[in-house]
Amino acid sequence: MLIGKETDTLKKIKSGVEISTPQPNDIGKWVESAEKENLGVQIGQAGLEMANREIDKQHAGHYPTLDLVASRGASSSGVNPSSPALGGSDTNSTVVGLQLNIPLYAGGAVSSKSREAVALREKARADLDNVRRNAALGRASRISA
């Protein structure tokens, strides 16, 4: 598995070499450690968490939104030369309000994106399971060899 090909024969360990047993001497503990501490497993878990959050984000497309809107304007008019009796004026206006948006139907785009996010979560879950199995297999094969 490490070198990517079958070997005919392996060299023997020199006589007199003493190999100590791994600590702990329980393959289950090593497999459990590999499944938890392996960097690939941690990356897979982060990917699964991101996929779960993406589902929440896509479902939010069905939710109403409330926005704060504001605008400010100013205008000024000088004295009209044809009518000097009328003076100039300055106008300032500020408008602040709330805008409620309630989505009725978006042509299936939101539903489609939600289904896609669920499918991507299932892929992330399968990838994580595969990485866990490979981590356990790699750690276990090194111990039993």
C-alpha atoms as a PDB file:
ATOM      1  CA  MET A   1       0.000   0.000   0.000  1.00  0.00           C
ATOM      2  CA  LEU A   2       2.831   2.416   0.796  1.00  0.00           C
ATOM      3  CA  ILE A   3       4.889   1.881  -2.355  1.00  0.00           C
ATOM      4  CA  GLY A   4       1.958   1.253  -4.706  1.00  0.00           C
ATOM      5  CA  LYS A   5       3.002  -2.151  -6.033  1.00  0.00           C
ATOM      6  CA  GLU A   6       3.360  -5.764  -5.010  1.00  0.00           C
ATOM      7  CA  THR A   7       6.752  -6.921  -3.796  1.00  0.00           C
ATOM      8  CA  ASP A   8       8.353 -10.283  -4.397  1.00  0.00           C
ATOM      9  CA  THR A   9      10.270 -10.590  -1.156  1.00  0.00           C
ATOM     10  CA  LEU A  10      11.188  -8.263   1.644  1.00  0.00           C
ATOM     11  CA  LYS A  11      14.488  -8.186   3.425  1.00  0.00           C
ATOM     12  CA  LYS A  12      14.463  -9.712   6.866  1.00  0.00           C
ATOM     13  CA  ILE A  13      15.248  -7.738  10.008  1.00  0.00           C
ATOM     14  CA  LYS A  14      18.775  -8.263  11.277  1.00  0.00           C
ATOM     15  CA  SER A  15      19.091 -10.810  14.031  1.00  0.00           C
ATOM     16  CA  GLY A  16      19.281  -9.359  17.505  1.00  0.00           C
ATOM     17  CA  VAL A  17      16.997  -6.396  16.707  1.00  0.00           C
ATOM     18  CA  GLU A  18      14.239  -6.158  19.252  1.00  0.00           C
ATOM     19  CA  ILE A  19      10.994  -4.445  18.269  1.00  0.00           C
ATOM     20  CA  SER A  20       8.814  -3.169  21.079  1.00  0.00           C
ATOM     21  CA  THR A  21       5.056  -3.532  20.943  1.00  0.00           C
ATOM     22  CA  PRO A  22       3.040  -0.391  20.253  1.00  0.00           C
ATOM     23  CA  GLN A  23       1.533   1.428  23.203  1.00  0.00           C
ATOM     24  CA  PRO A  24      -1.331   1.030  23.715  1.00  0.00           C
ATOM     25  CA  ASN A  25      -1.304  -2.508  22.424  1.00  0.00           C
ATOM     26  CA  ASP A  26      -4.941  -2.321  21.300  1.00  0.00           C
ATOM     27  CA  ILE A  27      -5.635  -1.949  17.587  1.00  0.00           C
ATOM     28  CA  GLY A  28      -9.121  -0.567  18.349  1.00  0.00           C
ATOM     29  CA  LYS A  29      -7.614   2.406  20.165  1.00  0.00           C
ATOM     30  CA  TRP A  30      -5.233   3.091  17.274  1.00  0.00           C
ATOM     31  CA  VAL A  31      -8.085   2.926  14.756  1.00  0.00           C
ATOM     32  CA  GLU A  32     -10.192   5.246  16.915  1.00  0.00           C
ATOM     33  CA  SER A  33      -7.263   7.653  17.203  1.00  0.00           C
ATOM     34  CA  ALA A  34      -6.740   7.589  13.433  1.00  0.00           C
ATOM     35  CA  GLU A  35     -10.415   8.313  12.801  1.00  0.00           C
ATOM     36  CA  LYS A  36     -10.368  11.312  15.152  1.00  0.00           C
ATOM     37  CA  GLU A  37      -6.929  12.867  14.704  1.00  0.00           C
ATOM     38  CA  ASN A  38      -6.245  12.341  11.010  1.00  0.00           C
ATOM     39  CA  LEU A  39      -5.977  15.678   9.156  1.00  0.00           C
ATOM     40  CA  GLY A  40      -7.993  14.336   6.237  1.00  0.00           C
ATOM     41  CA  VAL A  41     -10.780  13.319   8.624  1.00  0.00           C
ATOM     42  CA  GLN A  42     -10.769  16.762  10.236  1.00  0.00           C
ATOM     43  CA  ILE A  43     -10.971  18.392   6.799  1.00  0.00           C
ATOM     44  CA  GLY A  44     -13.829  16.054   5.886  1.00  0.00           C
ATOM     45  CA  GLN A  45     -15.685  16.969   9.080  1.00  0.00           C
ATOM     46  CA  ALA A  46     -15.261  20.672   8.289  1.00  0.00           C
ATOM     47  CA  GLY A  47     -16.574  20.018   4.765  1.00  0.00           C
ATOM     48  CA  LEU A  48     -19.621  18.247   6.168  1.00  0.00           C
ATOM     49  CA  GLU A  49     -20.281  21.140   8.555  1.00  0.00           C
ATOM     50  CA  MET A  50     -20.041  23.626   5.674  1.00  0.00           C
ATOM     51  CA  ALA A  51     -22.465  21.509   3.638  1.00  0.00           C
ATOM     52  CA  ASN A  52     -24.954  21.527   6.539  1.00  0.00           C
ATOM     53  CA  ARG A  53     -24.696  25.313   6.787  1.00  0.00           C
ATOM     54  CA  GLU A  54     -25.172  25.655   3.038  1.00  0.00           C
ATOM     55  CA  ILE A  55     -28.452  23.746   3.332  1.00  0.00           C
ATOM     56  CA  ASP A  56     -29.607  26.191   6.011  1.00  0.00           C
ATOM     57  CA  LYS A  57     -28.580  29.104   3.795  1.00  0.00           C
ATOM     58  CA  GLN A  58     -30.461  27.753   0.784  1.00  0.00           C
ATOM     59  CA  HIS A  59     -33.597  27.046   2.842  1.00  0.00           C
ATOM     60  CA  ALA A  60     -33.467  30.671   3.982  1.00  0.00           C
ATOM     61  CA  GLY A  61     -34.401  31.661   0.425  1.00  0.00           C
ATOM     62  CA  HIS A  62     -37.978  30.757   1.377  1.00  0.00           C
ATOM     63  CA  TYR A  63     -37.991  33.061   4.406  1.00  0.00           C
ATOM     64  CA  PRO A  64     -39.305  36.615   4.444  1.00  0.00           C
ATOM     65  CA  THR A  65     -36.769  39.394   4.844  1.00  0.00           C
ATOM     66  CA  LEU A  66     -37.062  42.719   6.593  1.00  0.00           C
ATOM     67  CA  ASP A  67     -34.754  45.473   5.398  1.00  0.00           C
ATOM     68  CA  LEU A  68     -34.064  48.925   6.772  1.00  0.00           C
ATOM     69  CA  VAL A  69     -34.035  51.451   3.950  1.00  0.00           C
ATOM     70  CA  ALA A  70     -33.059  55.093   4.133  1.00  0.00           C
ATOM     71  CA  SER A  71     -32.471  57.971   1.769  1.00  0.00           C
ATOM     72  CA  ARG A  72     -31.399  61.554   2.191  1.00  0.00           C
ATOM     73  CA  GLY A  73     -31.708  64.366  -0.293  1.00  0.00           C
ATOM     74  CA  ALA A  74     -31.043  68.074  -0.528  1.00  0.00           C
ATOM     75  CA  SER A  75     -32.022  70.607  -3.138  1.00  0.00           C
ATOM     76  CA  SER A  76     -31.473  74.291  -3.472  1.00  0.00           C
ATOM     77  CA  SER A  77     -32.989  76.850  -5.797  1.00  0.00           C
ATOM     78  CA  GLY A  78     -31.611  80.337  -6.183  1.00  0.00           C
ATOM     79  CA  VAL A  79     -33.482  83.555  -6.857  1.00  0.00           C
ATOM     80  CA  ASN A  80     -35.429  83.526 -10.103  1.00  0.00           C
ATOM     81  CA  PRO A  81     -34.116  86.458 -12.238  1.00  0.00           C
ATOM     82  CA  SER A  82     -37.468  86.910 -14.029  1.00  0.00           C
ATOM     83  CA  SER A  83     -39.313  87.173 -10.726  1.00  0.00           C
ATOM     84  CA  PRO A  84     -37.068  88.781  -8.105  1.00  0.00           C
ATOM     85  CA  ALA A  85     -39.901  88.889  -5.581  1.00  0.00           C
ATOM     86  CA  LEU A  86     -39.712  85.151  -5.139  1.00  0.00           C
ATOM     87  CA  GLY A  87     -36.799  84.150  -2.970  1.00  0.00           C
ATOM     88  CA  GLY A  88     -34.716  81.015  -3.166  1.00  0.00           C
ATOM     89  CA  SER A  89     -35.337  77.930  -1.079  1.00  0.00           C
ATOM     90  CA  ASP A  90     -33.336  75.084   0.393  1.00  0.00           C
ATOM     91  CA  THR A  91     -34.980  71.743   0.957  1.00  0.00           C
ATOM     92  CA  ASN A  92     -33.543  68.825   2.928  1.00  0.00           C
ATOM     93  CA  SER A  93     -35.376  65.540   3.182  1.00  0.00           C
ATOM     94  CA  THR A  94     -34.652  62.306   5.010  1.00  0.00           C
ATOM     95  CA  VAL A  95     -36.738  59.153   4.621  1.00  0.00           C
ATOM     96  CA  VAL A  96     -36.300  56.056   6.795  1.00  0.00           C
ATOM     97  CA  GLY A  97     -38.470  52.978   6.519  1.00  0.00           C
ATOM     98  CA  LEU A  98     -38.783  49.200   6.734  1.00  0.00           C
ATOM     99  CA  GLN A  99     -39.243  47.023   3.679  1.00  0.00           C
ATOM    100  CA  LEU A 100     -40.784  43.553   4.088  1.00  0.00           C
ATOM    101  CA  ASN A 101     -40.199  41.055   1.272  1.00  0.00           C
ATOM    102  CA  ILE A 102     -42.234  37.844   1.301  1.00  0.00           C
ATOM    103  CA  PRO A 103     -41.163  35.408  -1.421  1.00  0.00           C
ATOM    104  CA  LEU A 104     -44.156  33.737  -3.022  1.00  0.00           C
ATOM    105  CA  TYR A 105     -42.508  31.666  -5.740  1.00  0.00           C
ATOM    106  CA  ALA A 106     -39.118  32.039  -7.370  1.00  0.00           C
ATOM    107  CA  GLY A 107     -39.635  29.666 -10.286  1.00  0.00           C
ATOM    108  CA  GLY A 108     -38.169  26.693  -8.443  1.00  0.00           C
ATOM    109  CA  ALA A 109     -34.697  28.224  -8.131  1.00  0.00           C
ATOM    110  CA  VAL A 110     -34.733  28.151  -4.329  1.00  0.00           C
ATOM    111  CA  SER A 111     -36.033  24.566  -4.225  1.00  0.00           C
ATOM    112  CA  SER A 112     -33.476  23.474  -6.790  1.00  0.00           C
ATOM    113  CA  LYS A 113     -30.603  25.052  -4.861  1.00  0.00           C
ATOM    114  CA  SER A 114     -31.865  23.415  -1.653  1.00  0.00           C
ATOM    115  CA  ARG A 115     -31.922  19.985  -3.309  1.00  0.00           C
ATOM    116  CA  GLU A 116     -28.432  20.589  -4.681  1.00  0.00           C
ATOM    117  CA  ALA A 117     -27.165  21.536  -1.214  1.00  0.00           C
ATOM    118  CA  VAL A 118     -28.654  18.329   0.246  1.00  0.00           C
ATOM    119  CA  ALA A 119     -26.958  16.257  -2.476  1.00  0.00           C
ATOM    120  CA  LEU A 120     -23.636  17.985  -1.789  1.00  0.00           C
ATOM    121  CA  ARG A 121     -24.035  17.229   1.925  1.00  0.00           C
ATOM    122  CA  GLU A 122     -24.517  13.548   1.120  1.00  0.00           C
ATOM    123  CA  LYS A 123     -21.369  13.649  -1.004  1.00  0.00           C
ATOM    124  CA  ALA A 124     -19.458  15.320   1.845  1.00  0.00           C
ATOM    125  CA  ARG A 125     -20.740  12.634   4.240  1.00  0.00           C
ATOM    126  CA  ALA A 126     -19.647   9.840   1.875  1.00  0.00           C
ATOM    127  CA  ASP A 127     -16.236  11.494   1.414  1.00  0.00           C
ATOM    128  CA  LEU A 128     -15.833  11.737   5.188  1.00  0.00           C
ATOM    129  CA  ASP A 129     -16.717   8.055   5.629  1.00  0.00           C
ATOM    130  CA  ASN A 130     -14.171   7.149   2.941  1.00  0.00           C
ATOM    131  CA  VAL A 131     -11.433   9.237   4.588  1.00  0.00           C
ATOM    132  CA  ARG A 132     -12.227   7.654   7.974  1.00  0.00           C
ATOM    133  CA  ARG A 133     -11.989   4.158   6.499  1.00  0.00           C
ATOM    134  CA  ASN A 134      -8.703   4.990   4.789  1.00  0.00           C
ATOM    135  CA  ALA A 135      -7.313   6.532   7.985  1.00  0.00           C
ATOM    136  CA  ALA A 136      -8.316   3.463   9.999  1.00  0.00           C
ATOM    137  CA  LEU A 137      -6.919   1.124   7.363  1.00  0.00           C
ATOM    138  CA  GLY A 138      -3.644   3.007   7.115  1.00  0.00           C
ATOM    139  CA  ARG A 139      -3.099   3.163  10.884  1.00  0.00           C
ATOM    140  CA  ALA A 140      -4.233  -0.438  11.423  1.00  0.00           C
ATOM    141  CA  SER A 141      -2.053  -1.844   8.643  1.00  0.00           C
ATOM    142  CA  ARG A 142       1.043  -0.126  10.073  1.00  0.00           C
ATOM    143  CA  ILE A 143       0.398  -1.614  13.518  1.00  0.00           C
ATOM    144  CA  SER A 144      -0.286  -5.157  12.371  1.00  0.00           C
ATOM    145  CA  ALA A 145       2.680  -5.242   9.983  1.00  0.00           C
END
